[in-house]
N, C-alpha and C. Protein backbone atom coordinates (compact mmCIF):
# COMPACT_ATOMS: atom_id res chain seq x y z
N MET A 1 -189.60 85.67 5.29
CA MET A 1 -190.97 85.78 5.00
C MET A 1 -190.34 87.20 3.96
N LEU A 2 -189.60 87.72 3.94
CA LEU A 2 -189.82 89.05 3.52
C LEU A 2 -189.08 88.98 1.59
N PHE A 3 -188.51 87.60 1.95
CA PHE A 3 -187.96 87.16 0.01
C PHE A 3 -189.00 86.84 -0.10
N ARG A 4 -189.79 86.50 0.18
CA ARG A 4 -191.12 85.43 -0.66
C ARG A 4 -192.14 86.78 -0.88
N SER A 5 -192.36 87.53 -0.23
CA SER A 5 -193.18 88.33 -0.52
C SER A 5 -192.51 89.31 -1.25
N ILE A 6 -190.64 89.75 -2.14
CA ILE A 6 -190.42 90.43 -2.46
C ILE A 6 -190.67 90.03 -4.08
N LEU A 7 -189.82 88.22 -4.19
CA LEU A 7 -190.63 87.30 -5.32
C LEU A 7 -191.88 87.61 -5.55
N ASN A 8 -192.24 87.69 -4.77
CA ASN A 8 -194.30 87.75 -5.21
C ASN A 8 -194.54 88.74 -5.94
N LEU A 9 -194.37 90.23 -5.55
CA LEU A 9 -194.20 91.18 -5.83
C LEU A 9 -193.73 91.05 -7.26
N ASP A 10 -192.73 90.14 -7.20
CA ASP A 10 -191.79 90.75 -8.62
C ASP A 10 -192.46 89.53 -9.61
N ARG A 11 -192.86 88.40 -9.14
CA ARG A 11 -193.55 87.67 -10.21
C ARG A 11 -195.40 88.21 -10.63
N ILE A 12 -195.78 89.05 -9.37
CA ILE A 12 -197.00 89.95 -10.11
C ILE A 12 -196.52 90.95 -11.08
N TYR A 13 -195.39 91.65 -10.93
CA TYR A 13 -195.32 93.12 -11.76
C TYR A 13 -195.00 92.15 -13.35
N TRP A 14 -194.68 91.11 -13.06
CA TRP A 14 -194.11 90.82 -14.51
C TRP A 14 -194.93 89.81 -15.18
N GLU A 15 -196.00 89.19 -14.16
CA GLU A 15 -197.15 87.94 -14.93
C GLU A 15 -197.36 89.66 -16.11
N SER A 16 -198.08 90.66 -14.77
CA SER A 16 -198.78 91.59 -15.70
C SER A 16 -198.19 92.73 -16.68
N PHE A 17 -196.76 92.80 -16.93
CA PHE A 17 -196.38 93.23 -17.95
C PHE A 17 -196.76 92.45 -19.30
N ILE A 18 -196.15 91.51 -19.08
CA ILE A 18 -196.11 90.36 -19.72
C ILE A 18 -197.53 90.83 -20.90
N ASN A 19 -198.32 90.22 -19.38
CA ASN A 19 -200.08 89.98 -19.80
C ASN A 19 -200.69 91.59 -20.45
N SER A 20 -200.13 92.55 -20.37
CA SER A 20 -200.93 93.18 -21.01
C SER A 20 -200.02 94.25 -22.00
N ALA A 21 -199.09 94.03 -21.69
CA ALA A 21 -198.29 94.50 -23.66
C ALA A 21 -199.22 93.65 -24.68
N VAL A 22 -198.85 95.07 -26.00
CA VAL A 22 -199.55 94.93 -26.94
C VAL A 22 -198.91 94.67 -27.69
N ILE A 23 -198.28 93.39 -28.22
CA ILE A 23 -198.40 92.78 -28.79
C ILE A 23 -198.34 92.98 -30.75
N ASP A 24 -197.70 93.11 -31.47
CA ASP A 24 -198.35 93.61 -33.20
C ASP A 24 -198.06 92.04 -33.58
N LYS A 25 -199.25 91.45 -34.00
CA LYS A 25 -199.22 89.76 -34.56
C LYS A 25 -198.68 90.40 -35.87
N ASN A 26 -199.19 91.65 -37.02
CA ASN A 26 -198.44 91.50 -37.43
C ASN A 26 -196.98 91.67 -38.31
N THR A 27 -196.83 92.19 -37.19
CA THR A 27 -195.28 92.28 -36.81
C THR A 27 -194.41 90.71 -37.03
N ILE A 28 -194.79 90.44 -36.14
CA ILE A 28 -194.45 88.89 -35.87
C ILE A 28 -194.76 87.94 -36.48
N ASN A 29 -195.23 88.42 -37.26
CA ASN A 29 -195.95 87.62 -38.78
C ASN A 29 -195.13 87.91 -40.37
N THR A 30 -194.72 89.14 -39.84
CA THR A 30 -193.15 89.60 -40.74
C THR A 30 -192.04 89.00 -40.45
N LEU A 31 -191.71 88.62 -38.94
CA LEU A 31 -190.75 88.38 -38.40
C LEU A 31 -190.13 86.89 -38.96
N THR A 32 -191.70 86.12 -38.99
CA THR A 32 -191.95 84.83 -38.84
C THR A 32 -191.57 84.33 -40.51
N SER A 33 -192.36 85.07 -41.25
CA SER A 33 -192.56 84.96 -42.61
C SER A 33 -191.18 85.04 -43.16
N LYS A 34 -190.67 86.42 -43.16
CA LYS A 34 -190.03 86.83 -44.09
C LYS A 34 -188.75 86.38 -43.64
N LYS A 35 -188.15 85.33 -42.16
CA LYS A 35 -186.38 84.59 -42.31
C LYS A 35 -186.45 83.87 -43.26
N ALA A 36 -185.44 84.38 -43.90
CA ALA A 36 -184.74 83.04 -45.16
C ALA A 36 -184.02 82.26 -44.36
N PRO A 37 -183.56 81.11 -44.65
CA PRO A 37 -182.54 79.98 -44.75
C PRO A 37 -181.03 80.69 -43.75
N GLY A 38 -181.22 81.61 -44.25
CA GLY A 38 -180.08 82.25 -44.13
C GLY A 38 -179.54 83.18 -42.75
N ASP A 39 -181.15 83.67 -42.63
CA ASP A 39 -180.95 85.07 -41.45
C ASP A 39 -180.63 84.14 -40.09
N ALA A 40 -180.37 84.62 -39.04
CA ALA A 40 -180.39 84.60 -37.96
C ALA A 40 -180.15 85.31 -37.17
N TYR A 41 -181.93 85.44 -36.32
CA TYR A 41 -182.37 86.35 -35.13
C TYR A 41 -181.27 86.16 -33.70
N PHE A 42 -180.81 86.58 -32.90
CA PHE A 42 -180.18 86.73 -32.24
C PHE A 42 -180.58 87.80 -30.86
N LEU A 43 -180.91 87.25 -29.29
CA LEU A 43 -180.90 88.14 -28.34
C LEU A 43 -180.00 88.00 -27.33
N PHE A 44 -179.73 89.45 -27.27
CA PHE A 44 -179.03 89.57 -26.74
C PHE A 44 -179.41 90.47 -25.22
N THR A 45 -180.00 89.84 -23.82
CA THR A 45 -180.10 90.65 -22.98
C THR A 45 -179.83 90.65 -21.22
N ASN A 46 -180.19 91.97 -20.29
CA ASN A 46 -179.59 91.72 -19.49
C ASN A 46 -181.04 91.68 -18.41
N GLN A 47 -181.97 91.03 -18.93
CA GLN A 47 -183.18 90.74 -18.18
C GLN A 47 -182.38 89.34 -18.13
N ASN A 48 -183.47 88.83 -16.82
CA ASN A 48 -183.34 87.49 -16.20
C ASN A 48 -183.76 86.48 -17.81
N LEU A 49 -183.33 85.18 -17.97
CA LEU A 49 -183.41 83.84 -19.15
C LEU A 49 -185.41 83.99 -19.15
N HIS A 50 -185.60 83.56 -17.49
CA HIS A 50 -187.17 83.26 -17.30
C HIS A 50 -187.79 84.02 -17.55
N THR A 51 -187.16 85.62 -17.07
CA THR A 51 -188.78 86.47 -17.23
C THR A 51 -189.05 86.94 -19.55
N GLN A 52 -187.38 86.86 -19.76
CA GLN A 52 -187.69 86.20 -21.47
C GLN A 52 -187.94 85.11 -22.12
N LEU A 53 -187.96 84.46 -21.45
CA LEU A 53 -188.85 82.75 -22.00
C LEU A 53 -190.00 83.37 -21.79
N ASN A 54 -190.87 83.34 -20.65
CA ASN A 54 -191.91 83.86 -20.40
C ASN A 54 -192.93 84.83 -20.96
N LYS A 55 -192.16 86.28 -21.82
CA LYS A 55 -192.20 86.84 -22.47
C LYS A 55 -191.87 86.38 -24.03
N ILE A 56 -191.65 85.56 -24.42
CA ILE A 56 -191.39 84.75 -25.60
C ILE A 56 -192.19 83.59 -26.06
N THR A 57 -193.19 83.55 -24.38
CA THR A 57 -193.96 82.15 -25.16
C THR A 57 -195.64 82.70 -24.71
N LYS A 58 -195.71 84.01 -23.71
CA LYS A 58 -196.49 84.59 -24.56
C LYS A 58 -197.10 85.38 -25.28
N TRP A 59 -195.79 86.12 -25.69
CA TRP A 59 -196.30 86.69 -26.93
C TRP A 59 -196.12 86.23 -28.09
N SER A 60 -195.81 84.91 -28.09
CA SER A 60 -195.62 83.79 -29.32
C SER A 60 -194.80 84.33 -30.46
N ILE A 61 -193.47 84.60 -29.74
CA ILE A 61 -192.39 85.26 -30.38
C ILE A 61 -191.20 84.47 -30.67
N ASP A 62 -191.08 83.15 -30.76
CA ASP A 62 -189.75 82.39 -31.07
C ASP A 62 -189.84 81.92 -31.71
N ILE A 63 -188.40 83.05 -32.48
CA ILE A 63 -188.84 83.07 -33.52
C ILE A 63 -186.48 83.32 -33.71
N PHE A 64 -185.82 83.10 -32.66
CA PHE A 64 -184.63 83.38 -32.15
C PHE A 64 -183.89 82.56 -31.93
N ASP A 65 -182.80 82.12 -33.01
CA ASP A 65 -181.76 81.52 -32.94
C ASP A 65 -180.82 80.99 -32.05
N THR A 66 -180.50 82.29 -31.36
CA THR A 66 -179.87 81.77 -29.88
C THR A 66 -180.44 83.17 -28.43
N ILE A 67 -180.89 83.22 -27.85
CA ILE A 67 -180.64 83.89 -26.45
C ILE A 67 -179.55 84.11 -24.78
N LEU A 68 -178.71 84.85 -25.55
CA LEU A 68 -178.04 85.03 -24.51
C LEU A 68 -178.57 86.13 -23.30
N ALA A 69 -178.57 85.52 -22.15
CA ALA A 69 -178.83 86.68 -21.10
C ALA A 69 -177.40 87.33 -20.02
N SER A 70 -177.28 88.29 -19.97
CA SER A 70 -176.50 88.57 -18.87
C SER A 70 -176.06 87.39 -17.80
N GLU A 71 -177.20 86.58 -17.33
CA GLU A 71 -176.79 85.75 -15.96
C GLU A 71 -175.85 84.94 -16.43
N GLU A 72 -176.00 84.30 -17.38
CA GLU A 72 -175.14 82.85 -18.61
C GLU A 72 -174.06 83.70 -19.04
N VAL A 73 -173.81 85.25 -19.51
CA VAL A 73 -172.56 85.24 -19.64
C VAL A 73 -171.77 85.91 -18.43
N GLY A 74 -172.43 86.31 -17.83
CA GLY A 74 -171.64 86.74 -16.37
C GLY A 74 -171.25 87.98 -16.00
N PHE A 75 -171.82 88.63 -17.34
CA PHE A 75 -171.65 90.32 -17.38
C PHE A 75 -172.33 91.34 -18.12
N GLU A 76 -172.79 92.09 -17.57
CA GLU A 76 -174.09 93.01 -18.54
C GLU A 76 -173.30 94.01 -19.50
N LYS A 77 -174.98 94.08 -20.56
CA LYS A 77 -174.28 95.28 -21.24
C LYS A 77 -174.75 96.05 -20.69
N PRO A 78 -173.07 97.10 -20.87
CA PRO A 78 -172.60 97.11 -22.38
C PRO A 78 -170.98 96.32 -21.41
N HIS A 79 -171.19 96.25 -20.69
CA HIS A 79 -169.59 95.79 -20.40
C HIS A 79 -169.07 94.97 -21.52
N LYS A 80 -167.83 95.07 -22.21
CA LYS A 80 -166.92 94.50 -23.18
C LYS A 80 -166.72 93.45 -23.00
N ASN A 81 -166.72 92.55 -22.12
CA ASN A 81 -166.89 90.53 -21.60
C ASN A 81 -168.34 90.77 -22.17
N PHE A 82 -169.04 91.28 -22.09
CA PHE A 82 -170.73 90.98 -22.51
C PHE A 82 -170.47 90.43 -24.33
N TYR A 83 -170.30 91.83 -25.05
CA TYR A 83 -170.11 91.63 -26.13
C TYR A 83 -168.88 90.50 -26.62
N LYS A 84 -167.96 90.41 -26.19
CA LYS A 84 -166.61 89.16 -26.23
C LYS A 84 -167.63 88.11 -26.57
N PHE A 85 -167.98 87.81 -25.47
CA PHE A 85 -168.97 86.32 -25.22
C PHE A 85 -170.29 86.54 -26.10
N VAL A 86 -171.11 87.36 -26.68
CA VAL A 86 -172.08 87.40 -27.74
C VAL A 86 -171.61 87.09 -28.75
N GLU A 87 -170.23 87.68 -29.44
CA GLU A 87 -169.28 87.70 -30.92
C GLU A 87 -169.39 85.83 -31.17
N ASN A 88 -169.36 85.28 -30.32
CA ASN A 88 -168.59 83.28 -30.39
C ASN A 88 -169.83 83.15 -30.23
N ALA A 89 -171.39 83.57 -30.42
CA ALA A 89 -172.92 82.83 -30.64
C ALA A 89 -172.90 83.32 -32.56
N PHE A 90 -172.59 84.40 -32.80
CA PHE A 90 -172.52 84.37 -34.56
C PHE A 90 -171.13 84.48 -35.10
N ALA A 91 -169.95 84.00 -34.47
CA ALA A 91 -169.01 83.87 -35.25
C ALA A 91 -169.07 83.08 -36.04
N GLU A 92 -169.62 82.02 -36.46
CA GLU A 92 -169.29 80.91 -36.98
C GLU A 92 -170.08 81.30 -38.64
N ILE A 93 -171.71 82.26 -37.84
CA ILE A 93 -172.02 82.21 -39.59
C ILE A 93 -171.72 84.18 -39.84
N SER A 94 -170.86 84.48 -39.46
CA SER A 94 -170.35 85.48 -39.68
C SER A 94 -169.56 86.14 -41.21
N ASP A 95 -170.66 86.44 -41.68
CA ASP A 95 -169.87 86.74 -43.05
C ASP A 95 -169.75 88.37 -44.18
N PRO A 96 -168.85 88.95 -44.10
CA PRO A 96 -168.86 90.58 -44.67
C PRO A 96 -170.47 90.68 -45.54
N SER A 97 -171.09 90.16 -46.09
CA SER A 97 -172.39 90.70 -47.24
C SER A 97 -173.42 90.10 -46.83
N TYR A 98 -173.36 89.51 -45.03
CA TYR A 98 -174.53 89.67 -44.32
C TYR A 98 -174.75 91.37 -43.55
N SER A 99 -175.98 91.45 -43.89
CA SER A 99 -176.62 92.27 -43.57
C SER A 99 -176.97 92.36 -41.81
N MET A 100 -176.47 93.45 -40.69
CA MET A 100 -176.50 93.13 -39.54
C MET A 100 -177.54 94.42 -39.28
N PHE A 101 -178.56 93.96 -38.11
CA PHE A 101 -179.92 95.28 -38.12
C PHE A 101 -179.15 94.33 -36.12
N ALA A 102 -179.17 96.10 -35.49
CA ALA A 102 -179.50 95.87 -34.22
C ALA A 102 -180.81 96.50 -33.86
N ILE A 103 -181.45 96.37 -33.32
CA ILE A 103 -183.07 97.03 -32.72
C ILE A 103 -182.64 96.70 -30.71
N GLY A 104 -183.78 97.78 -30.09
CA GLY A 104 -183.76 97.86 -29.14
C GLY A 104 -183.26 99.32 -28.24
N ASP A 105 -183.89 99.08 -27.12
CA ASP A 105 -184.74 100.34 -26.20
C ASP A 105 -183.15 101.26 -24.56
N SER A 106 -182.23 101.09 -25.48
CA SER A 106 -180.77 101.05 -24.64
C SER A 106 -180.04 102.00 -26.17
N TYR A 107 -179.41 103.00 -26.26
CA TYR A 107 -178.49 103.21 -27.64
C TYR A 107 -177.00 102.57 -26.66
N VAL A 108 -176.73 102.26 -25.23
CA VAL A 108 -175.70 102.37 -25.15
C VAL A 108 -175.32 100.96 -24.89
N ASN A 109 -176.82 100.66 -24.79
CA ASN A 109 -176.61 98.71 -24.66
C ASN A 109 -177.06 98.34 -25.82
N ASP A 110 -177.11 98.73 -26.20
CA ASP A 110 -178.35 97.93 -27.48
C ASP A 110 -177.66 98.32 -29.02
N ILE A 111 -177.48 99.29 -28.96
CA ILE A 111 -176.84 99.80 -30.59
C ILE A 111 -175.74 100.38 -30.44
N GLU A 112 -174.68 100.76 -29.67
CA GLU A 112 -173.78 101.57 -29.76
C GLU A 112 -172.67 100.40 -30.37
N TYR A 113 -172.50 99.53 -29.50
CA TYR A 113 -171.41 98.14 -29.92
C TYR A 113 -171.50 98.07 -31.13
N TRP A 114 -172.93 97.71 -31.68
CA TRP A 114 -172.79 97.24 -32.96
C TRP A 114 -172.71 97.99 -34.13
N ILE A 115 -172.86 99.40 -33.26
CA ILE A 115 -172.61 100.78 -34.98
C ILE A 115 -171.05 100.42 -35.06
N ASN A 116 -170.66 100.06 -34.37
CA ASN A 116 -168.99 100.84 -34.05
C ASN A 116 -168.32 99.79 -34.16
N ASN A 117 -168.75 98.84 -33.70
CA ASN A 117 -168.01 97.26 -35.02
C ASN A 117 -168.46 96.52 -36.07
N TYR A 118 -169.72 97.01 -36.36
CA TYR A 118 -169.95 96.09 -36.91
C TYR A 118 -170.63 96.87 -38.20
N ASP A 119 -170.99 97.96 -38.56
CA ASP A 119 -171.93 98.99 -38.78
C ASP A 119 -172.91 98.56 -38.94
N ALA A 120 -173.42 97.98 -38.35
CA ALA A 120 -175.17 97.78 -38.19
C ALA A 120 -175.79 98.60 -38.36
N LYS A 121 -176.84 98.31 -39.30
CA LYS A 121 -178.09 99.74 -39.14
C LYS A 121 -178.88 99.34 -38.34
N ALA A 122 -179.52 100.33 -37.19
CA ALA A 122 -179.88 100.14 -35.95
C ALA A 122 -180.97 101.16 -35.48
N TYR A 123 -181.47 100.87 -35.06
CA TYR A 123 -183.07 101.31 -34.53
C TYR A 123 -183.13 101.17 -32.99
N LEU A 124 -183.40 102.61 -32.57
CA LEU A 124 -183.11 102.26 -31.18
C LEU A 124 -185.10 102.39 -30.95
N ILE A 125 -185.73 101.46 -30.67
CA ILE A 125 -187.17 102.32 -29.97
C ILE A 125 -187.19 102.77 -29.18
N ASN A 126 -188.05 103.98 -29.07
CA ASN A 126 -188.97 105.12 -28.93
C ASN A 126 -188.48 105.22 -27.34
N ASN A 127 -186.65 105.43 -27.00
CA ASN A 127 -186.83 106.14 -25.33
C ASN A 127 -186.14 107.50 -25.82
N LYS A 128 -187.25 108.37 -24.84
CA LYS A 128 -186.77 109.87 -24.67
C LYS A 128 -186.31 110.00 -23.51
N GLU A 129 -186.08 108.77 -22.58
CA GLU A 129 -184.88 109.18 -21.73
C GLU A 129 -183.57 109.71 -21.58
N GLU A 130 -182.88 109.18 -22.79
CA GLU A 130 -181.23 109.66 -23.09
C GLU A 130 -181.00 110.00 -23.74
N ASN A 131 -180.37 111.25 -23.76
CA ASN A 131 -179.65 112.32 -24.66
C ASN A 131 -178.91 111.79 -25.87
N TYR A 132 -179.02 111.80 -26.64
CA TYR A 132 -178.30 110.88 -28.14
C TYR A 132 -176.69 111.82 -28.60
N GLN A 133 -175.89 111.48 -28.91
CA GLN A 133 -174.88 112.25 -29.56
C GLN A 133 -174.55 111.81 -30.99
N ASP A 134 -174.43 110.98 -31.13
CA ASP A 134 -174.50 110.53 -32.41
C ASP A 134 -175.64 109.74 -33.03
N SER A 135 -177.10 110.59 -32.97
CA SER A 135 -178.29 110.47 -33.44
C SER A 135 -178.69 110.43 -35.08
N LYS A 136 -177.62 110.37 -35.80
CA LYS A 136 -177.90 110.74 -37.27
C LYS A 136 -177.03 108.81 -37.53
N ARG A 137 -176.59 108.36 -36.06
CA ARG A 137 -176.44 107.22 -36.73
C ARG A 137 -177.32 105.70 -36.19
N PHE A 138 -178.53 105.84 -35.95
CA PHE A 138 -179.60 105.42 -36.07
C PHE A 138 -180.65 105.95 -36.34
N ILE A 139 -181.70 104.86 -36.47
CA ILE A 139 -183.29 105.95 -36.59
C ILE A 139 -184.02 105.88 -35.12
N GLU A 140 -184.47 106.41 -34.76
CA GLU A 140 -185.89 106.39 -33.40
C GLU A 140 -186.68 106.17 -34.56
N THR A 141 -187.87 104.53 -33.74
CA THR A 141 -189.12 104.40 -33.98
C THR A 141 -189.50 103.60 -32.98
N ASN A 142 -190.46 103.03 -33.44
CA ASN A 142 -190.81 101.93 -33.24
C ASN A 142 -190.52 100.73 -33.59
N PHE A 143 -191.15 99.54 -32.78
CA PHE A 143 -190.56 98.04 -33.46
C PHE A 143 -191.32 97.57 -34.58
N SER A 144 -191.91 97.82 -34.67
CA SER A 144 -193.47 97.48 -35.91
C SER A 144 -192.38 98.56 -36.66
N GLN A 145 -192.57 99.80 -36.93
CA GLN A 145 -191.82 100.20 -37.84
C GLN A 145 -190.47 99.77 -38.21
N ALA A 146 -189.52 99.98 -37.23
CA ALA A 146 -188.13 99.29 -37.61
C ALA A 146 -188.37 97.40 -38.45
N ILE A 147 -189.41 96.89 -37.55
CA ILE A 147 -189.26 95.69 -38.65
C ILE A 147 -190.02 95.75 -39.85
N LYS A 148 -190.77 96.68 -40.55
CA LYS A 148 -191.03 96.96 -41.94
C LYS A 148 -189.83 97.30 -42.34
N ASP A 149 -189.03 98.41 -42.25
CA ASP A 149 -188.04 99.49 -42.61
C ASP A 149 -186.82 97.52 -42.82
N ILE A 150 -186.84 96.98 -42.09
CA ILE A 150 -185.71 96.41 -42.48
C ILE A 150 -186.11 95.25 -43.51
N PHE A 151 -187.32 94.99 -43.55
CA PHE A 151 -187.79 94.15 -45.12
C PHE A 151 -188.33 94.67 -46.01
N SER A 152 -188.32 96.07 -46.14
CA SER A 152 -188.33 96.64 -47.64
C SER A 152 -187.76 96.65 -48.00
């Protein structure tokens, strides 16, 4: 009975979160319409795949070429084995002439690795809870502005 209650609370939380989130449709349209044939969008997440797929479906952001969740990888970000695993997902399209962008809400989990290893242009999405030593290596902004900057 306790486990059912916990699962029910989890379901209620995520349904409420997903249903109440404000998603900028113009930003999603930009991501969709400006995606060129050679572009690839990856989602690497510590969130479980079920929740991420619910977000993608509800928010109409089915734009990712690859989605890898920590539950599939067996390690969470920022563990080095997580990054080793996900690098295989884009190794075949890796080309030094490509531009790489990292967007996330955690510097340690979403930004730092890609800056250090791929010289990615990075966008940290409004996270005031962390203390950043490398703040000159990324742009702190909101998601819509990051997308505008990338495609400008």
